[in-house]
Amino acid sequence: SSTPAELAISAYTLENLEIGVYHALRGIARRLHDHETEVVAQQILEQEEDAAELVASRIDRALLV
């Protein structure tokens, strides 16, 4: 069974992996002049960055449990 700290760190890692994926997708879409995909990737990227910040703000609390 995973500890709260391990779960928080895993969630943070996953969010940052997703951030990397959407950065790459946005760049590829930009190079292919696919504006629609670029815009959607940017929107999702912003959501993922917000999620990563939220998880990061709660890691300290998870370490205390």
PDB file of N, CA and C in Angstrom:
ATOM      1  N   SER A   1       0.840  -1.190   0.000  1.00  0.00           N
ATOM      2  CA  SER A   1       0.000   0.000   0.000  1.00  0.00           C
ATOM      3  C   SER A   1       0.882   1.250   0.000  1.00  0.00           C
ATOM      4  N   SER A   2       0.520   2.219  -0.787  1.00  0.00           N
ATOM      5  CA  SER A   2       1.301   3.448  -0.911  1.00  0.00           C
ATOM      6  C   SER A   2       0.967   4.424   0.208  1.00  0.00           C
ATOM      7  N   THR A   3       1.960   5.174   0.627  1.00  0.00           N
ATOM      8  CA  THR A   3       1.754   6.207   1.633  1.00  0.00           C
ATOM      9  C   THR A   3       1.172   7.450   0.958  1.00  0.00           C
ATOM     10  N   PRO A   4       0.565   8.350   1.731  1.00  0.00           N
ATOM     11  CA  PRO A   4       0.077   9.603   1.138  1.00  0.00           C
ATOM     12  C   PRO A   4       1.185  10.382   0.428  1.00  0.00           C
ATOM     13  N   ALA A   5       2.388  10.367   0.976  1.00  0.00           N
ATOM     14  CA  ALA A   5       3.503  11.077   0.339  1.00  0.00           C
ATOM     15  C   ALA A   5       3.854  10.447  -1.009  1.00  0.00           C
ATOM     16  N   GLU A   6       3.893   9.129  -1.059  1.00  0.00           N
ATOM     17  CA  GLU A   6       4.186   8.445  -2.326  1.00  0.00           C
ATOM     18  C   GLU A   6       3.118   8.746  -3.375  1.00  0.00           C
ATOM     19  N   LEU A   7       1.864   8.769  -2.955  1.00  0.00           N
ATOM     20  CA  LEU A   7       0.780   9.086  -3.889  1.00  0.00           C
ATOM     21  C   LEU A   7       0.884  10.520  -4.394  1.00  0.00           C
ATOM     22  N   ALA A   8       1.200  11.445  -3.503  1.00  0.00           N
ATOM     23  CA  ALA A   8       1.336  12.849  -3.899  1.00  0.00           C
ATOM     24  C   ALA A   8       2.484  13.031  -4.883  1.00  0.00           C
ATOM     25  N   ILE A   9       3.604  12.385  -4.612  1.00  0.00           N
ATOM     26  CA  ILE A   9       4.756  12.492  -5.511  1.00  0.00           C
ATOM     27  C   ILE A   9       4.444  11.847  -6.857  1.00  0.00           C
ATOM     28  N   SER A  10       3.749  10.735  -6.855  1.00  0.00           N
ATOM     29  CA  SER A  10       3.354  10.089  -8.119  1.00  0.00           C
ATOM     30  C   SER A  10       2.415  10.987  -8.915  1.00  0.00           C
ATOM     31  N   ALA A  11       1.460  11.615  -8.226  1.00  0.00           N
ATOM     32  CA  ALA A  11       0.527  12.518  -8.909  1.00  0.00           C
ATOM     33  C   ALA A  11       1.271  13.702  -9.513  1.00  0.00           C
ATOM     34  N   TYR A  12       2.222  14.254  -8.768  1.00  0.00           N
ATOM     35  CA  TYR A  12       3.009  15.384  -9.260  1.00  0.00           C
ATOM     36  C   TYR A  12       3.843  14.977 -10.479  1.00  0.00           C
ATOM     37  N   THR A  13       4.421  13.800 -10.413  1.00  0.00           N
ATOM     38  CA  THR A  13       5.213  13.287 -11.532  1.00  0.00           C
ATOM     39  C   THR A  13       4.343  13.117 -12.772  1.00  0.00           C
ATOM     40  N   LEU A  14       3.169  12.547 -12.597  1.00  0.00           N
ATOM     41  CA  LEU A  14       2.253  12.343 -13.720  1.00  0.00           C
ATOM     42  C   LEU A  14       1.829  13.670 -14.328  1.00  0.00           C
ATOM     43  N   GLU A  15       1.492  14.633 -13.486  1.00  0.00           N
ATOM     44  CA  GLU A  15       1.092  15.944 -14.017  1.00  0.00           C
ATOM     45  C   GLU A  15       2.215  16.548 -14.851  1.00  0.00           C
ATOM     46  N   ASN A  16       3.452  16.425 -14.381  1.00  0.00           N
ATOM     47  CA  ASN A  16       4.563  17.005 -15.132  1.00  0.00           C
ATOM     48  C   ASN A  16       4.849  16.245 -16.417  1.00  0.00           C
ATOM     49  N   LEU A  17       4.607  14.947 -16.429  1.00  0.00           N
ATOM     50  CA  LEU A  17       4.716  14.184 -17.670  1.00  0.00           C
ATOM     51  C   LEU A  17       3.685  14.682 -18.679  1.00  0.00           C
ATOM     52  N   GLU A  18       2.459  14.888 -18.206  1.00  0.00           N
ATOM     53  CA  GLU A  18       1.404  15.393 -19.091  1.00  0.00           C
ATOM     54  C   GLU A  18       1.753  16.788 -19.610  1.00  0.00           C
ATOM     55  N   ILE A  19       2.338  17.614 -18.765  1.00  0.00           N
ATOM     56  CA  ILE A  19       2.766  18.950 -19.205  1.00  0.00           C
ATOM     57  C   ILE A  19       3.751  18.820 -20.360  1.00  0.00           C
ATOM     58  N   GLY A  20       4.703  17.924 -20.229  1.00  0.00           N
ATOM     59  CA  GLY A  20       5.675  17.706 -21.300  1.00  0.00           C
ATOM     60  C   GLY A  20       5.025  17.245 -22.589  1.00  0.00           C
ATOM     61  N   VAL A  21       4.065  16.354 -22.470  1.00  0.00           N
ATOM     62  CA  VAL A  21       3.365  15.840 -23.656  1.00  0.00           C
ATOM     63  C   VAL A  21       2.625  16.969 -24.374  1.00  0.00           C
ATOM     64  N   TYR A  22       1.916  17.807 -23.611  1.00  0.00           N
ATOM     65  CA  TYR A  22       1.151  18.880 -24.257  1.00  0.00           C
ATOM     66  C   TYR A  22       2.051  19.989 -24.791  1.00  0.00           C
ATOM     67  N   HIS A  23       3.210  20.211 -24.166  1.00  0.00           N
ATOM     68  CA  HIS A  23       4.193  21.136 -24.745  1.00  0.00           C
ATOM     69  C   HIS A  23       4.624  20.617 -26.110  1.00  0.00           C
ATOM     70  N   ALA A  24       4.942  19.337 -26.166  1.00  0.00           N
ATOM     71  CA  ALA A  24       5.391  18.741 -27.434  1.00  0.00           C
ATOM     72  C   ALA A  24       4.292  18.782 -28.487  1.00  0.00           C
ATOM     73  N   LEU A  25       3.087  18.422 -28.092  1.00  0.00           N
ATOM     74  CA  LEU A  25       1.963  18.439 -29.037  1.00  0.00           C
ATOM     75  C   LEU A  25       1.724  19.845 -29.577  1.00  0.00           C
ATOM     76  N   ARG A  26       1.778  20.828 -28.690  1.00  0.00           N
ATOM     77  CA  ARG A  26       1.584  22.213 -29.130  1.00  0.00           C
ATOM     78  C   ARG A  26       2.665  22.613 -30.129  1.00  0.00           C
ATOM     79  N   GLY A  27       3.903  22.230 -29.860  1.00  0.00           N
ATOM     80  CA  GLY A  27       4.997  22.559 -30.780  1.00  0.00           C
ATOM     81  C   GLY A  27       4.846  21.885 -32.126  1.00  0.00           C
ATOM     82  N   ILE A  28       4.456  20.636 -32.123  1.00  0.00           N
ATOM     83  CA  ILE A  28       4.238  19.913 -33.382  1.00  0.00           C
ATOM     84  C   ILE A  28       3.101  20.552 -34.167  1.00  0.00           C
ATOM     85  N   ALA A  29       2.016  20.864 -33.471  1.00  0.00           N
ATOM     86  CA  ALA A  29       0.872  21.491 -34.146  1.00  0.00           C
ATOM     87  C   ALA A  29       1.272  22.833 -34.749  1.00  0.00           C
ATOM     88  N   ARG A  30       2.087  23.589 -34.020  1.00  0.00           N
ATOM     89  CA  ARG A  30       2.541  24.888 -34.522  1.00  0.00           C
ATOM     90  C   ARG A  30       3.358  24.706 -35.801  1.00  0.00           C
ATOM     91  N   ARG A  31       4.270  23.722 -35.800  1.00  0.00           N
ATOM     92  CA  ARG A  31       5.105  23.481 -36.986  1.00  0.00           C
ATOM     93  C   ARG A  31       4.286  23.007 -38.179  1.00  0.00           C
ATOM     94  N   LEU A  32       3.181  22.303 -37.889  1.00  0.00           N
ATOM     95  CA  LEU A  32       2.315  21.805 -38.968  1.00  0.00           C
ATOM     96  C   LEU A  32       1.230  22.806 -39.353  1.00  0.00           C
ATOM     97  N   HIS A  33       1.254  23.977 -38.707  1.00  0.00           N
ATOM     98  CA  HIS A  33       0.269  25.034 -38.968  1.00  0.00           C
ATOM     99  C   HIS A  33      -1.158  24.552 -38.689  1.00  0.00           C
ATOM    100  N   ASP A  34      -1.281  23.717 -37.648  1.00  0.00           N
ATOM    101  CA  ASP A  34      -2.592  23.209 -37.216  1.00  0.00           C
ATOM    102  C   ASP A  34      -3.033  24.045 -36.017  1.00  0.00           C
ATOM    103  N   HIS A  35      -3.629  25.186 -36.332  1.00  0.00           N
ATOM    104  CA  HIS A  35      -3.980  26.150 -35.298  1.00  0.00           C
ATOM    105  C   HIS A  35      -4.976  25.586 -34.285  1.00  0.00           C
ATOM    106  N   GLU A  36      -5.953  24.839 -34.751  1.00  0.00           N
ATOM    107  CA  GLU A  36      -6.977  24.289 -33.849  1.00  0.00           C
ATOM    108  C   GLU A  36      -6.339  23.367 -32.795  1.00  0.00           C
ATOM    109  N   THR A  37      -5.481  22.474 -33.240  1.00  0.00           N
ATOM    110  CA  THR A  37      -4.811  21.564 -32.304  1.00  0.00           C
ATOM    111  C   THR A  37      -3.885  22.342 -31.372  1.00  0.00           C
ATOM    112  N   GLU A  38      -3.218  23.331 -31.891  1.00  0.00           N
ATOM    113  CA  GLU A  38      -2.329  24.147 -31.059  1.00  0.00           C
ATOM    114  C   GLU A  38      -3.108  24.835 -29.936  1.00  0.00           C
ATOM    115  N   VAL A  39      -4.267  25.386 -30.272  1.00  0.00           N
ATOM    116  CA  VAL A  39      -5.088  26.077 -29.278  1.00  0.00           C
ATOM    117  C   VAL A  39      -5.593  25.105 -28.218  1.00  0.00           C
ATOM    118  N   VAL A  40      -6.077  23.952 -28.638  1.00  0.00           N
ATOM    119  CA  VAL A  40      -6.580  22.957 -27.680  1.00  0.00           C
ATOM    120  C   VAL A  40      -5.441  22.452 -26.793  1.00  0.00           C
ATOM    121  N   ALA A  41      -4.290  22.182 -27.378  1.00  0.00           N
ATOM    122  CA  ALA A  41      -3.142  21.727 -26.602  1.00  0.00           C
ATOM    123  C   ALA A  41      -2.742  22.782 -25.572  1.00  0.00           C
ATOM    124  N   GLN A  42      -2.779  24.049 -25.952  1.00  0.00           N
ATOM    125  CA  GLN A  42      -2.449  25.137 -25.027  1.00  0.00           C
ATOM    126  C   GLN A  42      -3.450  25.182 -23.869  1.00  0.00           C
ATOM    127  N   GLN A  43      -4.723  25.026 -24.169  1.00  0.00           N
ATOM    128  CA  GLN A  43      -5.744  25.040 -23.122  1.00  0.00           C
ATOM    129  C   GLN A  43      -5.532  23.893 -22.131  1.00  0.00           C
ATOM    130  N   ILE A  44      -5.276  22.710 -22.661  1.00  0.00           N
ATOM    131  CA  ILE A  44      -5.059  21.549 -21.792  1.00  0.00           C
ATOM    132  C   ILE A  44      -3.761  21.720 -21.018  1.00  0.00           C
ATOM    133  N   LEU A  45      -2.740  22.264 -21.658  1.00  0.00           N
ATOM    134  CA  LEU A  45      -1.462  22.517 -20.999  1.00  0.00           C
ATOM    135  C   LEU A  45      -1.661  23.420 -19.780  1.00  0.00           C
ATOM    136  N   GLU A  46      -2.446  24.461 -19.930  1.00  0.00           N
ATOM    137  CA  GLU A  46      -2.706  25.365 -18.808  1.00  0.00           C
ATOM    138  C   GLU A  46      -3.426  24.638 -17.673  1.00  0.00           C
ATOM    139  N   GLN A  47      -4.362  23.770 -18.004  1.00  0.00           N
ATOM    140  CA  GLN A  47      -5.060  22.987 -16.982  1.00  0.00           C
ATOM    141  C   GLN A  47      -4.091  22.059 -16.257  1.00  0.00           C
ATOM    142  N   GLU A  48      -3.202  21.425 -16.997  1.00  0.00           N
ATOM    143  CA  GLU A  48      -2.230  20.513 -16.404  1.00  0.00           C
ATOM    144  C   GLU A  48      -1.245  21.264 -15.513  1.00  0.00           C
ATOM    145  N   GLU A  49      -0.836  22.462 -15.934  1.00  0.00           N
ATOM    146  CA  GLU A  49       0.057  23.261 -15.097  1.00  0.00           C
ATOM    147  C   GLU A  49      -0.630  23.664 -13.798  1.00  0.00           C
ATOM    148  N   ASP A  50      -1.909  24.020 -13.876  1.00  0.00           N
ATOM    149  CA  ASP A  50      -2.672  24.344 -12.668  1.00  0.00           C
ATOM    150  C   ASP A  50      -2.767  23.129 -11.749  1.00  0.00           C
ATOM    151  N   ALA A  51      -3.020  21.968 -12.328  1.00  0.00           N
ATOM    152  CA  ALA A  51      -3.128  20.741 -11.534  1.00  0.00           C
ATOM    153  C   ALA A  51      -1.797  20.418 -10.857  1.00  0.00           C
ATOM    154  N   ALA A  52      -0.694  20.596 -11.575  1.00  0.00           N
ATOM    155  CA  ALA A  52       0.632  20.332 -10.995  1.00  0.00           C
ATOM    156  C   ALA A  52       0.906  21.285  -9.833  1.00  0.00           C
ATOM    157  N   GLU A  53       0.526  22.538  -9.989  1.00  0.00           N
ATOM    158  CA  GLU A  53       0.708  23.509  -8.905  1.00  0.00           C
ATOM    159  C   GLU A  53      -0.122  23.125  -7.684  1.00  0.00           C
ATOM    160  N   LEU A  54      -1.348  22.669  -7.916  1.00  0.00           N
ATOM    161  CA  LEU A  54      -2.209  22.255  -6.814  1.00  0.00           C
ATOM    162  C   LEU A  54      -1.604  21.069  -6.071  1.00  0.00           C
ATOM    163  N   VAL A  55      -1.160  20.078  -6.809  1.00  0.00           N
ATOM    164  CA  VAL A  55      -0.544  18.904  -6.184  1.00  0.00           C
ATOM    165  C   VAL A  55       0.708  19.322  -5.418  1.00  0.00           C
ATOM    166  N   ALA A  56       1.537  20.165  -6.021  1.00  0.00           N
ATOM    167  CA  ALA A  56       2.768  20.606  -5.367  1.00  0.00           C
ATOM    168  C   ALA A  56       2.465  21.338  -4.065  1.00  0.00           C
ATOM    169  N   SER A  57       1.392  22.108  -4.054  1.00  0.00           N
ATOM    170  CA  SER A  57       1.043  22.861  -2.846  1.00  0.00           C
ATOM    171  C   SER A  57       0.586  21.959  -1.711  1.00  0.00           C
ATOM    172  N   ARG A  58       0.272  20.713  -2.023  1.00  0.00           N
ATOM    173  CA  ARG A  58      -0.223  19.789  -1.000  1.00  0.00           C
ATOM    174  C   ARG A  58       0.760  18.681  -0.638  1.00  0.00           C
ATOM    175  N   ILE A  59       1.923  18.664  -1.267  1.00  0.00           N
ATOM    176  CA  ILE A  59       2.900  17.629  -0.973  1.00  0.00           C
ATOM    177  C   ILE A  59       3.373  17.720   0.482  1.00  0.00           C
ATOM    178  N   ASP A  60       3.611  18.921   0.967  1.00  0.00           N
ATOM    179  CA  ASP A  60       4.065  19.074   2.362  1.00  0.00           C
ATOM    180  C   ASP A  60       3.072  18.451   3.339  1.00  0.00           C
ATOM    181  N   ARG A  61       1.795  18.677   3.086  1.00  0.00           N
ATOM    182  CA  ARG A  61       0.760  18.114   3.953  1.00  0.00           C
ATOM    183  C   ARG A  61       0.797  16.587   3.912  1.00  0.00           C
ATOM    184  N   ALA A  62       1.002  16.038   2.734  1.00  0.00           N
ATOM    185  CA  ALA A  62       1.055  14.569   2.600  1.00  0.00           C
ATOM    186  C   ALA A  62       2.265  13.989   3.338  1.00  0.00           C
ATOM    187  N   LEU A  63       3.345  14.747   3.383  1.00  0.00           N
ATOM    188  CA  LEU A  63       4.546  14.268   4.069  1.00  0.00           C
ATOM    189  C   LEU A  63       4.335  14.194   5.587  1.00  0.00           C
ATOM    190  N   LEU A  64       3.389  14.961   6.105  1.00  0.00           N
ATOM    191  CA  LEU A  64       3.135  14.992   7.538  1.00  0.00           C
ATOM    192  C   LEU A  64       2.203  13.886   8.007  1.00  0.00           C
ATOM    193  N   VAL A  65       1.545  13.220   7.049  1.00  0.00           N
ATOM    194  CA  VAL A  65       0.566  12.183   7.413  1.00  0.00           C
ATOM    195  C   VAL A  65       1.264  10.891   7.715  1.00  0.00           C
TER     196      VAL A  65
END
